[in-house]
Amino acid sequence: MGQPTDEALLSGLAAGGPDATLFFIRRFQATVYAIAAGVGADRAGAEEIATSALAYAVENAQVYDPRQSPLGTWVAGIAAKAATDTLGTGRPACPGSIALAAMDTSSGAVPKGAGSLDPAATRRAALQQLPIEQARALVLAAFGRLPAAQIALAEDIPVQTARTRIRAAMHHLRAVLPTDRRDGGGMVSGRPLIDLPATERSTRRWSPDSTPTQSS
């Protein structure tokens, strides 16, 4: 049996079918978990974020508008909001009845000697310094593997704004993340902490003039 189309999946969810819920979770769980883990949460925290985001998506599938974005983009946007909401103190979880578990939201600069820390914790500390909109765009690009055009749909912003947020976030992270002494490439133990899809890697140098404001 083939996989149900997005339309069939949504119809099944609207009808309350358990098979539709199972198919929905299976289709999107890998992407949602990757986004949740991308903010540097531990395994239990990432699972809690992913479970909450998927549950919220299932509960609110009736409000999804396929004319606005692909279904996968909508789900990834929910996951990114849930994941980045854990980065700041006092930020709400997913809107609605799904609550996320309390997580460590301490912020501050990446500590000296962070190259010896767990890469996820190092990445989380760096992401906590970003404006929430930049962090969300970066998480969608690096861990949701969405191109700028789909990030723009998920965030309801112009494509150029999505690209600017990603570039600004990467510029900040390159300045604060520890580098591998062998190649200076923004790495810990030879592996990149943030790896954008090839199509979204900037082909031009960063310009201070493109730095967005806190609200961009």
Protein backbone atom coordinates (compact mmCIF):
# COMPACT_ATOMS: atom_id res chain seq x y z
CA MET A 1 0.00 0.00 0.00
CA GLY A 2 1.36 3.40 -0.96
CA GLN A 3 1.68 6.35 1.35
CA PRO A 4 -1.47 8.50 1.62
CA THR A 5 -1.40 11.91 0.01
CA ASP A 6 -1.39 15.01 2.18
CA GLU A 7 -5.05 15.54 1.30
CA ALA A 8 -5.99 11.98 2.30
CA LEU A 9 -3.97 12.29 5.48
CA LEU A 10 -5.73 15.50 6.47
CA SER A 11 -9.12 14.00 5.67
CA GLY A 12 -8.30 11.03 7.88
CA LEU A 13 -7.21 13.29 10.72
CA ALA A 14 -10.40 15.32 10.39
CA ALA A 15 -12.39 12.10 10.66
CA GLY A 16 -10.46 11.09 13.76
CA GLY A 17 -8.97 7.99 12.20
CA PRO A 18 -6.17 6.39 14.28
CA ASP A 19 -4.43 5.12 11.14
CA ALA A 20 -4.21 8.68 9.81
CA THR A 21 -2.61 9.84 13.05
CA LEU A 22 -0.05 7.02 12.86
CA PHE A 23 0.78 7.81 9.23
CA PHE A 24 1.08 11.50 10.08
CA ILE A 25 3.53 10.85 12.91
CA ARG A 26 5.61 8.43 10.86
CA ARG A 27 5.81 10.82 7.93
CA PHE A 28 7.08 13.79 9.90
CA GLN A 29 8.71 12.41 13.05
CA ALA A 30 12.26 12.32 11.65
CA THR A 31 12.17 15.97 10.58
CA VAL A 32 10.48 17.11 13.77
CA TYR A 33 12.94 15.25 15.97
CA ALA A 34 15.92 16.64 14.00
CA ILE A 35 14.63 20.17 14.56
CA ALA A 36 14.03 19.50 18.27
CA ALA A 37 17.50 18.05 18.73
CA GLY A 38 19.00 20.90 16.72
CA VAL A 39 18.51 23.41 19.53
CA GLY A 40 20.86 21.38 21.70
CA ALA A 41 18.29 19.69 23.91
CA ASP A 42 19.26 16.37 25.44
CA ARG A 43 17.53 13.26 24.15
CA ALA A 44 14.68 13.38 26.64
CA GLY A 45 14.13 17.07 25.98
CA ALA A 46 14.21 16.60 22.21
CA GLU A 47 11.69 13.77 22.44
CA GLU A 48 9.40 15.92 24.60
CA ILE A 49 9.59 18.81 22.13
CA ALA A 50 9.01 16.53 19.14
CA THR A 51 6.08 14.74 20.79
CA SER A 52 4.45 18.02 21.79
CA ALA A 53 4.92 19.56 18.34
CA LEU A 54 3.46 16.51 16.57
CA ALA A 55 0.53 16.36 18.99
CA TYR A 56 -0.19 20.04 18.40
CA ALA A 57 -0.04 19.54 14.63
CA VAL A 58 -2.45 16.60 14.80
CA GLU A 59 -4.86 18.51 17.05
CA ASN A 60 -4.81 21.58 14.81
CA ALA A 61 -4.68 19.98 11.37
CA GLN A 62 -8.13 21.37 10.63
CA VAL A 63 -6.76 24.93 10.62
CA TYR A 64 -3.95 24.12 8.18
CA ASP A 65 -4.38 25.92 4.85
CA PRO A 66 -2.70 24.01 1.98
CA ARG A 67 -2.77 27.19 -0.10
CA GLN A 68 -0.26 28.79 2.27
CA SER A 69 2.49 26.16 2.37
CA PRO A 70 3.17 22.44 1.91
CA LEU A 71 2.05 20.28 4.82
CA GLY A 72 5.63 19.35 5.72
CA THR A 73 6.62 23.02 5.83
CA TRP A 74 3.73 23.80 8.19
CA VAL A 75 4.71 20.94 10.51
CA ALA A 76 8.38 21.97 10.44
CA GLY A 77 7.38 25.51 11.36
CA ILE A 78 5.46 24.25 14.39
CA ALA A 79 8.45 22.15 15.45
CA ALA A 80 10.84 25.08 15.06
CA LYS A 81 8.63 27.34 17.16
CA ALA A 82 8.35 24.68 19.86
CA ALA A 83 12.10 24.03 19.83
CA THR A 84 13.28 27.65 19.86
CA ASP A 85 10.72 28.59 22.51
CA THR A 86 12.82 26.53 24.92
CA LEU A 87 15.83 28.79 24.33
CA GLY A 88 14.49 31.79 26.22
CA THR A 89 13.07 32.19 29.69
CA GLY A 90 9.40 32.91 30.01
CA ARG A 91 8.59 32.05 26.41
CA PRO A 92 5.37 30.09 25.88
CA ALA A 93 5.35 26.60 24.46
CA CYS A 94 3.23 25.68 21.44
CA PRO A 95 -0.02 27.65 21.56
CA GLY A 96 -2.96 25.61 22.73
CA SER A 97 -3.21 22.76 25.20
CA ILE A 98 0.19 21.15 24.51
CA ALA A 99 2.77 22.15 27.12
CA LEU A 100 6.49 21.50 26.84
CA ALA A 101 8.59 20.20 29.68
CA ALA A 102 10.67 22.78 31.54
CA MET A 103 14.21 22.85 30.22
CA ASP A 104 17.43 24.62 31.07
CA THR A 105 17.12 28.13 29.64
CA SER A 106 20.28 29.65 31.04
CA SER A 107 21.84 32.04 28.57
CA GLY A 108 25.12 33.80 28.14
CA ALA A 109 28.21 33.73 26.04
CA VAL A 110 29.77 30.47 24.98
CA PRO A 111 32.19 29.73 27.83
CA LYS A 112 35.91 29.62 27.36
CA GLY A 113 37.13 26.18 26.52
CA ALA A 114 33.75 25.30 25.07
CA GLY A 115 35.46 23.21 22.43
CA SER A 116 35.78 20.50 25.06
CA LEU A 117 32.05 20.59 25.86
CA ASP A 118 29.34 18.50 24.33
CA PRO A 119 28.66 19.98 20.86
CA ALA A 120 24.91 20.12 21.49
CA ALA A 121 25.38 22.14 24.69
CA THR A 122 27.81 24.46 22.89
CA ARG A 123 25.39 24.97 20.03
CA ARG A 124 22.52 25.62 22.44
CA ALA A 125 24.51 28.29 24.28
CA ALA A 126 25.25 30.01 20.97
CA LEU A 127 21.64 29.81 19.75
CA GLN A 128 20.43 31.36 23.01
CA GLN A 129 22.24 34.56 22.11
CA LEU A 130 20.33 35.01 18.85
CA PRO A 131 17.06 36.89 18.37
CA ILE A 132 14.37 34.23 18.41
CA GLU A 133 13.43 34.86 14.76
CA GLN A 134 17.01 34.30 13.62
CA ALA A 135 17.34 31.15 15.70
CA ARG A 136 14.15 29.76 14.23
CA ALA A 137 15.20 30.45 10.64
CA LEU A 138 18.57 28.84 11.25
CA VAL A 139 17.08 25.77 12.88
CA LEU A 140 14.66 25.33 9.98
CA ALA A 141 17.50 25.62 7.47
CA ALA A 142 20.13 23.56 9.24
CA PHE A 143 18.04 20.83 10.85
CA GLY A 144 14.69 21.00 9.06
CA ARG A 145 16.64 21.16 5.78
CA LEU A 146 14.20 23.70 4.39
CA PRO A 147 15.27 26.14 1.66
CA ALA A 148 14.76 29.85 2.24
CA ALA A 149 11.58 29.87 0.14
CA GLN A 150 9.91 27.32 2.43
CA ILE A 151 11.20 29.03 5.57
CA ALA A 152 9.55 32.19 4.28
CA LEU A 153 6.25 30.28 3.98
CA ALA A 154 6.60 28.76 7.46
CA GLU A 155 7.36 32.15 9.02
CA ASP A 156 5.05 34.20 6.78
CA ILE A 157 7.86 36.54 5.75
CA PRO A 158 9.48 37.55 2.43
CA VAL A 159 12.10 35.17 1.07
CA GLN A 160 14.81 37.83 1.31
CA THR A 161 14.01 38.31 5.00
CA ALA A 162 14.40 34.58 5.56
CA ARG A 163 17.79 34.63 3.83
CA THR A 164 18.87 37.67 5.82
CA ARG A 165 17.95 36.01 9.11
CA ILE A 166 19.92 32.88 8.20
CA ARG A 167 22.98 34.92 7.17
CA ALA A 168 22.80 37.04 10.33
CA ALA A 169 22.54 33.94 12.53
CA MET A 170 25.45 32.23 10.79
CA HIS A 171 27.56 35.37 11.06
CA HIS A 172 26.96 35.48 14.81
CA LEU A 173 27.61 31.78 15.32
CA ARG A 174 30.88 31.91 13.38
CA ALA A 175 32.01 34.64 15.77
CA VAL A 176 31.21 32.78 18.98
CA LEU A 177 31.48 29.06 18.28
CA PRO A 178 34.80 27.36 18.97
CA THR A 179 36.77 26.29 15.93
CA ASP A 180 38.77 23.19 15.25
CA ARG A 181 42.42 24.18 15.48
CA ARG A 182 43.32 22.05 12.50
CA ASP A 183 41.15 23.86 9.99
CA GLY A 184 39.42 26.76 11.77
CA GLY A 185 36.12 25.76 10.22
CA GLY A 186 33.63 26.36 13.03
CA MET A 187 33.88 22.80 14.24
CA VAL A 188 34.11 20.72 17.39
CA SER A 189 36.10 17.51 17.08
CA GLY A 190 36.27 18.03 13.33
CA ARG A 191 32.47 18.12 12.81
CA PRO A 192 30.41 21.24 12.01
CA LEU A 193 28.06 22.42 14.73
CA ILE A 194 25.75 24.00 12.16
CA ASP A 195 25.62 22.65 8.63
CA LEU A 196 23.31 24.36 6.18
CA PRO A 197 22.03 22.64 3.05
CA ALA A 198 24.35 23.38 0.13
CA THR A 199 21.68 25.47 -1.61
CA GLU A 200 21.43 27.81 1.38
CA ARG A 201 25.12 28.40 2.02
CA SER A 202 25.83 32.03 1.32
CA THR A 203 27.78 32.69 -1.87
CA ARG A 204 28.76 36.21 -0.90
CA ARG A 205 30.60 37.80 1.98
CA TRP A 206 28.76 39.04 5.02
CA SER A 207 28.04 42.76 5.03
CA PRO A 208 27.25 44.65 8.23
CA ASP A 209 24.68 46.60 6.23
CA SER A 210 22.53 43.49 5.97
CA THR A 211 22.34 42.91 9.71
CA PRO A 212 18.64 42.76 10.63
CA THR A 213 17.12 44.40 13.64
CA GLN A 214 15.86 42.42 16.63
CA SER A 215 12.46 42.08 15.01
CA SER A 216 13.71 40.92 11.60
